[in-house]
């Protein structure tokens, strides 16, 4: 595959064959070599063949092979002439991350890490399936959850109104229609509100180790030694079902709309079609479900820490971002403002300072971006930079990005003292199964330090704080 170097951290795949636009990859040389090792770059090319795509098919430095679109992929499609692709959003719709201040200092928790991990593990159901700690919600509340989003949670005692101001889109995606989601999706989802799930999802306590400028304390109120709560999860079985059903439907109808798919996993429909509109309405439902899920988990975690420590701990939300979503936004395309549907699959919105959609509290510095690493190394709080609007449709990376598959990690970790290895890194961990820990060991991932440095060098996002985990719950 031909690759042209645009700058130190940007590479371009020229437009050839059926590609409608070039591909662009954000990576240093080592990360680029890693990306060449799987089929992720082929997926960048395949995405570039879809109808209505504008400017570039993009890949962030955490890119790796995914379903249809690469994970770490970004693509924007003309609203009138382009498509919507469930594979460009992902199965876990609005999988995202939130970070909260706890009011705790790391030094005051010495000797209490294991107790805290056990308390969090008991309070928040984790693993495949899982019954919610708040019980099964009614169909009436289910319809409200998927249309009202995080506001439903706040009105039912999970958090405070200011949380909505610190959540992307206020914790509610417009256009949701419960009728667009199947009964099966609701059956799977209504018992999973307030559950963590499995895979790379986590609930963890980190300490702030580094700050990179005065805005860390002035704007975000964070200092070295502060303890923050991180939550990473999504829309559980509800979102999975919505994606799965629409992928199968879209494969069947692609020919009807004259769409030639380079890969069946790129199944799509015109965004303006009845099928496209139905998926967008269902996707919005799943996005709202995910915001409720993280809002409830945050409250459950606060109560668990309060009980464990014998002092009131009320997590204060700094920000919540989603990184598996498609959004209708206005962007400059070759000097012309166009309304497009930006697919961010394993990518995070990163609007810069002054952007009207950046929350008022953060408008002077840019939208907060949360990039979790792995359970043994650093995670980061960043903000968007102007370059994001010029180059990436206001998007940046979402995490470290996998290096090894889950199957490979289970083979590597056979016979290894997993908890002992993590303890040597200063991390107390508890997982639902041994396999869930083996699959998520630090060696399974790229280094988030390097990934975020690439985006900062490219002028896309700027690092504000670094967090290091010390108490981790895995599904």
Protein backbone atom coordinates (compact mmCIF):
# COMPACT_ATOMS: atom_id res chain seq x y z
CA UNK A 1 0.00 0.00 0.00
CA UNK A 2 1.41 3.39 -1.00
CA UNK A 3 1.78 5.87 1.87
CA UNK A 4 2.84 9.47 1.47
CA UNK A 5 4.25 11.37 4.44
CA UNK A 6 2.40 14.65 4.99
CA UNK A 7 4.12 15.63 8.25
CA UNK A 8 5.88 14.02 11.20
CA UNK A 9 2.63 12.44 12.37
CA UNK A 10 0.36 12.39 9.31
CA UNK A 11 0.43 9.89 6.44
CA UNK A 12 -1.79 9.72 3.37
CA UNK A 13 -3.06 6.81 1.31
CA UNK A 14 -3.60 8.26 -2.19
CA UNK A 15 -7.02 7.92 -3.79
CA UNK A 16 -6.92 4.88 -6.08
CA UNK A 17 -9.42 2.42 -7.52
CA UNK A 18 -12.88 2.77 -6.01
CA UNK A 19 -11.74 5.23 -3.32
CA UNK A 20 -13.70 8.49 -3.44
CA UNK A 21 -11.29 10.31 -1.10
CA UNK A 22 -7.75 9.68 0.19
CA UNK A 23 -7.07 8.01 3.51
CA UNK A 24 -5.19 9.79 6.31
CA UNK A 25 -3.48 8.17 9.28
CA UNK A 26 -2.21 9.96 12.38
CA UNK A 27 0.79 8.05 13.72
CA UNK A 28 4.50 8.17 14.36
CA UNK A 29 6.62 5.63 12.50
CA UNK A 30 6.36 2.95 15.19
CA UNK A 31 2.58 3.24 15.46
CA UNK A 32 2.31 3.18 11.67
CA UNK A 33 4.31 -0.04 11.52
CA UNK A 34 1.96 -1.54 14.11
CA UNK A 35 -1.07 -0.49 12.05
CA UNK A 36 0.43 -2.20 8.99
CA UNK A 37 0.45 -5.44 10.96
CA UNK A 38 -3.30 -5.99 10.79
CA UNK A 39 -6.04 -5.10 8.29
CA UNK A 40 -6.82 -1.68 9.77
CA UNK A 41 -5.31 0.27 6.88
CA UNK A 42 -7.27 -1.85 4.40
CA UNK A 43 -10.37 -0.81 6.32
CA UNK A 44 -9.38 2.87 5.96
CA UNK A 45 -9.32 2.29 2.20
CA UNK A 46 -12.66 0.46 2.22
CA UNK A 47 -14.37 3.28 4.13
CA UNK A 48 -13.09 5.72 1.49
CA UNK A 49 -15.25 3.94 -1.12
CA UNK A 50 -18.58 4.66 0.58
CA UNK A 51 -21.05 7.04 -1.13
CA UNK A 52 -21.05 10.66 0.01
CA UNK A 53 -17.81 10.54 2.00
CA UNK A 54 -16.06 13.92 2.10
CA UNK A 55 -12.45 15.04 2.46
CA UNK A 56 -10.71 11.98 3.96
CA UNK A 57 -11.16 8.57 5.51
CA UNK A 58 -9.32 9.10 8.79
CA UNK A 59 -7.51 6.92 11.32
CA UNK A 60 -6.35 8.05 14.75
CA UNK A 61 -3.09 6.72 16.31
CA UNK A 62 -4.98 4.14 18.39
CA UNK A 63 -6.21 2.50 15.18
CA UNK A 64 -6.69 -1.27 15.04
CA UNK A 65 -8.84 -3.71 13.13
CA UNK A 66 -12.56 -3.48 13.82
CA UNK A 67 -15.95 -4.40 12.42
CA UNK A 68 -16.18 -2.76 8.97
CA UNK A 69 -14.63 0.53 10.02
CA UNK A 70 -11.32 0.41 11.88
CA UNK A 71 -11.47 1.19 15.58
CA UNK A 72 -9.97 4.66 15.74
CA UNK A 73 -11.69 5.55 12.46
CA UNK A 74 -13.40 8.84 11.57
CA UNK A 75 -15.40 9.58 8.43
CA UNK A 76 -17.88 12.30 7.49
CA UNK A 77 -20.66 11.90 4.93
CA UNK A 78 -22.74 14.53 3.19
CA UNK A 79 -26.14 14.57 4.89
CA UNK A 80 -28.05 14.68 1.59
CA UNK A 81 -25.91 12.40 -0.58
CA UNK A 82 -24.09 10.23 1.95
CA UNK A 83 -24.77 7.16 4.03
CA UNK A 84 -25.09 6.09 7.63
CA UNK A 85 -23.25 2.89 8.58
CA UNK A 86 -23.81 1.00 11.85
CA UNK A 87 -20.31 -0.44 11.48
CA UNK A 88 -18.99 3.12 11.54
CA UNK A 89 -20.52 3.59 14.98
CA UNK A 90 -19.90 0.17 16.47
CA UNK A 91 -21.83 -2.43 18.39
CA UNK A 92 -21.46 -0.64 21.72
CA UNK A 93 -23.22 2.60 20.77
CA UNK A 94 -22.02 5.54 22.89
CA UNK A 95 -19.37 3.54 24.60
CA UNK A 96 -17.69 6.39 26.46
CA UNK A 97 -15.71 7.62 29.43
CA UNK A 98 -16.42 9.94 32.32
CA UNK A 99 -13.99 11.32 34.87
CA UNK A 100 -15.07 12.66 38.26
CA UNK A 101 -13.38 14.45 41.13
CA UNK A 102 -13.82 12.59 44.42
CA UNK A 103 -12.54 15.17 46.91
CA UNK A 104 -10.08 12.52 48.12
CA UNK A 105 -6.30 12.66 48.26
CA UNK A 106 -4.18 9.66 47.38
CA UNK A 107 -2.22 9.70 50.63
CA UNK A 108 -5.37 9.34 52.75
CA UNK A 109 -6.24 6.03 51.08
CA UNK A 110 -3.06 4.18 52.00
CA UNK A 111 -3.89 0.63 53.06
CA UNK A 112 -7.49 0.92 51.82
CA UNK A 113 -7.09 0.06 48.14
CA UNK A 114 -8.28 -3.56 48.39
CA UNK A 115 -11.23 -2.58 50.54
CA UNK A 116 -12.22 0.08 48.02
CA UNK A 117 -11.92 -2.31 45.08
CA UNK A 118 -14.12 -4.87 46.81
CA UNK A 119 -16.70 -2.21 47.68
CA UNK A 120 -16.87 -0.96 44.09
CA UNK A 121 -17.02 -4.51 42.71
CA UNK A 122 -19.95 -5.30 44.99
CA UNK A 123 -21.83 -2.08 44.22
CA UNK A 124 -21.65 -2.12 40.41
CA UNK A 125 -22.61 -5.33 38.57
CA UNK A 126 -19.95 -6.31 36.04
CA UNK A 127 -19.34 -8.96 33.41
CA UNK A 128 -21.27 -10.45 30.50
CA UNK A 129 -25.04 -10.03 30.99
CA UNK A 130 -25.50 -8.86 34.56
CA UNK A 131 -28.53 -7.72 36.50
CA UNK A 132 -28.74 -4.07 37.45
CA UNK A 133 -28.19 -3.02 41.04
CA UNK A 134 -31.24 -0.75 40.68
CA UNK A 135 -33.50 -3.57 39.46
CA UNK A 136 -35.30 -3.95 36.17
CA UNK A 137 -36.82 -0.67 35.04
CA UNK A 138 -40.37 -0.54 33.70
CA UNK A 139 -41.26 -0.16 30.03
CA UNK A 140 -42.51 3.35 30.77
CA UNK A 141 -39.23 4.33 32.38
CA UNK A 142 -37.38 2.53 29.60
CA UNK A 143 -39.01 4.80 27.02
CA UNK A 144 -38.08 7.83 29.13
CA UNK A 145 -34.50 6.65 29.54
CA UNK A 146 -33.92 6.32 25.80
CA UNK A 147 -35.52 9.67 24.97
CA UNK A 148 -34.52 11.85 27.94
CA UNK A 149 -31.07 10.40 28.60
CA UNK A 150 -29.12 11.52 31.65
CA UNK A 151 -31.90 13.87 32.72
CA UNK A 152 -34.00 10.82 33.63
CA UNK A 153 -31.19 9.61 35.90
CA UNK A 154 -30.81 12.98 37.64
CA UNK A 155 -34.57 13.29 38.16
CA UNK A 156 -34.55 9.84 39.75
CA UNK A 157 -31.81 10.63 42.25
CA UNK A 158 -28.73 9.62 40.30
CA UNK A 159 -26.55 12.72 40.30
CA UNK A 160 -27.25 16.43 40.26
CA UNK A 161 -28.44 18.85 37.54
CA UNK A 162 -24.94 20.27 36.97
CA UNK A 163 -23.88 16.82 35.73
CA UNK A 164 -25.87 17.51 32.57
CA UNK A 165 -23.76 20.60 31.87
CA UNK A 166 -20.64 18.45 32.05
CA UNK A 167 -21.84 15.72 29.70
CA UNK A 168 -21.45 15.78 25.94
CA UNK A 169 -24.72 16.97 24.37
CA UNK A 170 -26.08 17.48 27.88
CA UNK A 171 -26.45 13.70 28.16
CA UNK A 172 -29.27 13.62 25.63
CA UNK A 173 -29.08 12.98 21.91
CA UNK A 174 -32.06 14.45 20.03
CA UNK A 175 -34.13 12.49 17.56
CA UNK A 176 -34.52 9.35 19.66
CA UNK A 177 -37.64 7.31 18.93
CA UNK A 178 -38.38 4.25 21.11
CA UNK A 179 -40.43 2.81 18.24
CA UNK A 180 -37.21 2.50 16.22
CA UNK A 181 -35.75 0.07 18.78
CA UNK A 182 -37.00 -3.50 18.82
CA UNK A 183 -38.72 -5.27 21.71
CA UNK A 184 -35.67 -7.55 21.85
CA UNK A 185 -33.40 -4.56 22.42
CA UNK A 186 -35.57 -3.37 25.29
CA UNK A 187 -35.75 -6.87 26.80
CA UNK A 188 -31.95 -7.04 26.77
CA UNK A 189 -31.43 -3.53 28.07
CA UNK A 190 -34.01 -2.84 30.75
CA UNK A 191 -32.30 -5.11 33.27
CA UNK A 192 -28.82 -3.72 32.60
CA UNK A 193 -29.13 -0.07 33.63
CA UNK A 194 -26.24 0.66 35.98
CA UNK A 195 -24.03 -2.25 34.90
CA UNK A 196 -20.43 -2.22 33.72
CA UNK A 197 -20.33 -4.98 31.15
CA UNK A 198 -17.19 -6.81 30.11
CA UNK A 199 -14.23 -6.50 27.76
CA UNK A 200 -12.25 -3.29 28.12
CA UNK A 201 -14.89 -1.61 30.29
CA UNK A 202 -13.79 -0.58 33.75
CA UNK A 203 -14.45 1.33 36.91
CA UNK A 204 -11.29 2.64 38.52
CA UNK A 205 -9.71 5.10 40.92
CA UNK A 206 -6.69 7.01 39.65
CA UNK A 207 -4.38 9.59 41.15
CA UNK A 208 -3.38 12.71 39.28
CA UNK A 209 0.38 12.44 38.75
CA UNK A 210 1.16 15.20 36.24
CA UNK A 211 -0.36 18.48 35.10
CA UNK A 212 0.78 20.27 31.97
CA UNK A 213 -0.36 23.82 32.54
CA UNK A 214 -2.20 26.17 34.89
CA UNK A 215 -5.61 25.31 33.41
CA UNK A 216 -5.46 21.91 35.12
CA UNK A 217 -6.19 23.52 38.48
CA UNK A 218 -7.71 26.81 37.34
CA UNK A 219 -10.34 25.30 35.03
CA UNK A 220 -10.60 21.65 36.06
CA UNK A 221 -9.71 21.92 39.75
CA UNK A 222 -7.14 19.12 39.58
CA UNK A 223 -3.79 18.93 41.38
CA UNK A 224 -1.17 16.17 41.66
CA UNK A 225 -2.26 13.71 44.33
CA UNK A 226 -5.98 14.20 43.76
CA UNK A 227 -8.04 11.03 43.33
CA UNK A 228 -10.38 10.77 40.36
CA UNK A 229 -13.00 8.20 39.43
CA UNK A 230 -13.02 6.92 35.83
CA UNK A 231 -15.93 5.01 34.28
CA UNK A 232 -15.74 3.36 30.87
CA UNK A 233 -18.81 1.57 29.51
CA UNK A 234 -21.64 1.95 27.01
CA UNK A 235 -25.16 0.92 26.05
CA UNK A 236 -24.81 -2.77 26.92
CA UNK A 237 -27.13 -5.29 25.26
CA UNK A 238 -29.55 -2.56 24.22
CA UNK A 239 -27.07 -0.89 21.88
CA UNK A 240 -25.60 -4.19 20.70
CA UNK A 241 -29.02 -5.40 19.59
CA UNK A 242 -29.74 -2.18 17.71
CA UNK A 243 -26.46 -2.39 15.83
CA UNK A 244 -26.82 -6.09 15.05
CA UNK A 245 -30.33 -5.80 13.68
CA UNK A 246 -29.53 -2.81 11.49
CA UNK A 247 -26.33 -4.32 10.09
CA UNK A 248 -28.30 -7.33 8.90
CA UNK A 249 -31.07 -5.17 7.45
CA UNK A 250 -28.65 -2.84 5.68
CA UNK A 251 -26.76 -5.69 4.00
CA UNK A 252 -30.02 -6.75 2.37
CA UNK A 253 -30.98 -3.30 1.10
CA UNK A 254 -27.61 -1.97 -0.11
CA UNK A 255 -28.22 -3.18 -3.67
CA UNK A 256 -31.61 -1.52 -3.72
CA UNK A 257 -29.88 1.83 -3.31
CA UNK A 258 -27.11 1.03 -5.77
CA UNK A 259 -24.46 0.76 -3.06
CA UNK A 260 -21.53 -1.53 -3.90
CA UNK A 261 -19.91 -2.62 -0.66
CA UNK A 262 -16.17 -3.31 -0.51
CA UNK A 263 -16.92 -5.27 2.67
CA UNK A 264 -20.30 -6.56 3.87
CA UNK A 265 -19.43 -5.22 7.32
CA UNK A 266 -19.68 -1.71 5.83
CA UNK A 267 -23.42 -2.26 5.38
CA UNK A 268 -25.07 1.14 5.09
CA UNK A 269 -28.08 3.04 3.81
CA UNK A 270 -28.56 6.59 2.58
CA UNK A 271 -28.91 8.82 5.61
CA UNK A 272 -31.99 10.37 4.01
CA UNK A 273 -33.70 7.00 3.42
CA UNK A 274 -36.42 5.58 5.71
CA UNK A 275 -34.00 2.88 6.85
CA UNK A 276 -31.24 5.41 7.52
CA UNK A 277 -33.56 7.65 9.52
CA UNK A 278 -34.82 4.68 11.53
CA UNK A 279 -31.27 3.68 12.46
CA UNK A 280 -30.39 7.24 13.48
CA UNK A 281 -33.46 7.33 15.75
CA UNK A 282 -32.54 3.96 17.28
CA UNK A 283 -28.88 4.94 17.65
CA UNK A 284 -29.95 8.07 19.56
CA UNK A 285 -31.97 5.83 21.90
CA UNK A 286 -28.88 3.73 22.61
CA UNK A 287 -26.74 6.83 23.13
CA UNK A 288 -29.19 8.10 25.73
CA UNK A 289 -29.29 4.68 27.40
CA UNK A 290 -25.48 4.76 27.74
CA UNK A 291 -25.48 8.20 29.37
CA UNK A 292 -28.02 6.97 31.90
CA UNK A 293 -25.90 3.90 32.51
CA UNK A 294 -22.76 5.90 33.33
CA UNK A 295 -24.75 8.38 35.42
CA UNK A 296 -26.18 5.56 37.56
CA UNK A 297 -22.79 3.85 37.92
CA UNK A 298 -21.22 7.10 39.10
CA UNK A 299 -23.84 7.40 41.85
CA UNK A 300 -23.50 3.75 42.89
CA UNK A 301 -19.71 4.17 43.07
CA UNK A 302 -20.04 7.26 45.24
CA UNK A 303 -22.29 5.44 47.71
CA UNK A 304 -19.89 2.48 47.81
CA UNK A 305 -16.92 4.73 48.59
CA UNK A 306 -18.92 6.56 51.24
CA UNK A 307 -19.80 3.32 52.99
CA UNK A 308 -16.29 1.96 52.65
CA UNK A 309 -14.47 5.03 53.97
CA UNK A 310 -17.01 6.20 56.53
CA UNK A 311 -17.05 9.70 55.03
CA UNK A 312 -19.23 11.28 52.39
CA UNK A 313 -17.87 10.90 48.86
CA UNK A 314 -19.97 12.58 46.17
CA UNK A 315 -18.29 12.26 42.77
CA UNK A 316 -18.25 15.59 40.94
CA UNK A 317 -18.44 15.07 37.20
CA UNK A 318 -15.69 16.81 35.23
CA UNK A 319 -16.84 15.53 31.85
CA UNK A 320 -18.39 12.58 30.00
CA UNK A 321 -17.56 11.88 26.35
CA UNK A 322 -18.76 9.29 23.89
CA UNK A 323 -16.51 7.59 21.38
CA UNK A 324 -18.82 5.31 19.37
CA UNK A 325 -21.34 7.58 17.71
CA UNK A 326 -22.47 9.33 14.52
CA UNK A 327 -23.44 12.99 14.79
CA UNK A 328 -24.91 15.56 12.44
CA UNK A 329 -22.57 18.56 12.51
CA UNK A 330 -21.48 21.48 10.34
CA UNK A 331 -17.89 21.38 9.07
CA UNK A 332 -15.70 23.17 6.56
CA UNK A 333 -15.26 20.93 3.53
CA UNK A 334 -12.82 22.43 1.05
CA UNK A 335 -13.79 25.96 2.03
CA UNK A 336 -17.56 25.36 2.07
CA UNK A 337 -19.59 24.77 5.26
CA UNK A 338 -21.50 21.52 4.90
CA UNK A 339 -23.84 19.58 7.11
CA UNK A 340 -22.35 16.13 7.47
CA UNK A 341 -22.76 12.98 9.54
CA UNK A 342 -19.50 12.40 11.36
CA UNK A 343 -18.91 8.75 12.26
CA UNK A 344 -16.56 8.41 15.21
CA UNK A 345 -15.78 4.78 15.92
CA UNK A 346 -13.24 4.60 18.71
CA UNK A 347 -12.73 8.34 18.37
CA UNK A 348 -13.70 11.30 20.52
CA UNK A 349 -15.10 14.71 19.66
CA UNK A 350 -12.46 17.38 20.33
CA UNK A 351 -13.90 20.82 19.64
CA UNK A 352 -11.53 23.73 20.37
CA UNK A 353 -11.81 26.77 22.59
CA UNK A 354 -14.58 29.11 21.52
CA UNK A 355 -16.66 26.51 19.72
CA UNK A 356 -20.35 27.06 20.54
CA UNK A 357 -20.89 23.36 21.29
CA UNK A 358 -18.09 23.30 23.85
CA UNK A 359 -19.66 23.51 27.33
CA UNK A 360 -19.60 27.02 28.79
CA UNK A 361 -17.34 26.05 31.71
CA UNK A 362 -14.65 24.82 29.31
CA UNK A 363 -15.16 27.12 26.35
CA UNK A 364 -11.99 29.11 27.07
CA UNK A 365 -9.81 25.97 26.87
CA UNK A 366 -11.71 23.61 24.56
CA UNK A 367 -13.89 20.54 24.98
CA UNK A 368 -12.48 18.03 27.47
CA UNK A 369 -11.29 14.76 25.95
CA UNK A 370 -10.80 11.63 28.06
CA UNK A 371 -8.29 9.05 26.83
CA UNK A 372 -8.04 5.97 29.04
CA UNK A 373 -4.89 3.91 28.86
CA UNK A 374 -4.66 0.40 30.27
CA UNK A 375 -5.07 -0.81 33.83
CA UNK A 376 -1.37 -0.52 34.60
CA UNK A 377 -0.41 2.74 32.91
CA UNK A 378 -1.52 6.30 32.32
CA UNK A 379 -4.79 7.82 31.21
CA UNK A 380 -5.14 11.44 30.09
CA UNK A 381 -7.42 14.45 30.18
CA UNK A 382 -6.98 16.57 27.04
CA UNK A 383 -8.73 19.45 25.31
CA UNK A 384 -9.45 20.04 21.64
CA UNK A 385 -7.29 22.34 19.50
CA UNK A 386 -8.14 24.37 16.36
CA UNK A 387 -6.36 21.84 14.16
CA UNK A 388 -9.09 19.32 14.89
CA UNK A 389 -11.65 21.46 13.06
CA UNK A 390 -9.35 21.86 10.06
CA UNK A 391 -8.21 18.27 9.74
CA UNK A 392 -10.29 15.68 11.64
CA UNK A 393 -13.88 16.96 11.75
CA UNK A 394 -13.28 17.97 15.37
CA UNK A 395 -12.08 14.50 16.41
CA UNK A 396 -9.17 12.90 18.24
CA UNK A 397 -8.13 9.51 19.66
CA UNK A 398 -10.21 7.63 22.24
CA UNK A 399 -7.75 5.34 24.01
CA UNK A 400 -4.48 3.50 23.74
CA UNK A 401 -5.59 0.98 21.10
CA UNK A 402 -5.09 -2.78 21.21
CA UNK A 403 -1.82 -4.45 20.27
CA UNK A 404 -2.86 -8.07 20.90
CA UNK A 405 -6.16 -9.89 20.56
CA UNK A 406 -8.04 -11.23 23.54
CA UNK A 407 -7.28 -14.79 22.49
CA UNK A 408 -3.59 -14.04 22.23
CA UNK A 409 -3.54 -12.42 25.67
CA UNK A 410 -5.22 -15.43 27.26
CA UNK A 411 -2.49 -17.62 25.77
CA UNK A 412 0.27 -15.29 26.94
CA UNK A 413 -1.09 -15.04 30.48
CA UNK A 414 -1.54 -18.78 31.04
CA UNK A 415 0.10 -19.60 34.34
CA UNK A 416 0.98 -15.96 35.09
CA UNK A 417 0.15 -14.37 38.46
CA UNK A 418 -1.93 -11.58 36.95
CA UNK A 419 -2.87 -9.82 40.16
CA UNK A 420 0.71 -10.10 41.38
CA UNK A 421 2.05 -8.46 38.21
CA UNK A 422 -0.40 -5.60 38.57
CA UNK A 423 0.36 -5.25 42.28
CA UNK A 424 3.99 -4.71 41.32
CA UNK A 425 2.76 -1.72 39.33
CA UNK A 426 0.87 -0.40 42.35
CA UNK A 427 -2.54 -1.53 41.09
CA UNK A 428 -5.12 -3.49 43.07
CA UNK A 429 -7.54 -5.16 40.66
CA UNK A 430 -10.62 -7.33 40.72
CA UNK A 431 -12.30 -8.83 37.68
CA UNK A 432 -15.34 -10.98 37.06
CA UNK A 433 -13.17 -13.75 35.64
CA UNK A 434 -9.48 -14.50 35.25
CA UNK A 435 -9.90 -14.30 31.49
CA UNK A 436 -11.32 -10.78 31.70
CA UNK A 437 -8.11 -9.68 33.45
CA UNK A 438 -5.77 -11.59 31.14
CA UNK A 439 -7.33 -9.98 28.08
CA UNK A 440 -6.81 -6.47 29.45
CA UNK A 441 -3.22 -6.64 30.73
CA UNK A 442 -1.06 -3.60 29.87
CA UNK A 443 0.89 -5.52 27.24
CA UNK A 444 -2.35 -5.87 25.23
CA UNK A 445 -2.29 -2.14 24.50
CA UNK A 446 -0.25 0.61 22.94
CA UNK A 447 1.11 3.27 25.27
CA UNK A 448 -1.43 6.08 25.74
CA UNK A 449 1.50 8.44 26.37
CA UNK A 450 2.64 7.93 22.78
CA UNK A 451 -0.85 7.99 21.28
CA UNK A 452 -1.77 11.30 22.93
CA UNK A 453 1.63 12.78 22.10
CA UNK A 454 0.98 12.15 18.40
CA UNK A 455 -2.30 14.06 18.54
CA UNK A 456 -0.66 16.93 20.42
CA UNK A 457 2.21 17.10 17.92
CA UNK A 458 -0.31 17.16 15.09
CA UNK A 459 -2.16 20.08 16.71
CA UNK A 460 -5.39 18.13 17.22
CA UNK A 461 -5.64 17.92 21.02
CA UNK A 462 -3.61 19.06 24.02
CA UNK A 463 -2.79 17.14 27.20
CA UNK A 464 -3.94 18.72 30.46
CA UNK A 465 -3.45 16.01 33.14
CA UNK A 466 -2.14 12.50 33.50
CA UNK A 467 -3.82 9.93 35.74
CA UNK A 468 -2.37 6.62 36.99
CA UNK A 469 -4.68 3.82 38.25
CA UNK A 470 -4.36 2.23 41.67
CA UNK A 471 -7.75 0.51 42.19
CA UNK A 472 -9.44 -1.17 39.22
CA UNK A 473 -12.65 -3.13 38.65
CA UNK A 474 -13.02 -5.05 35.39
CA UNK A 475 -16.07 -6.79 33.99
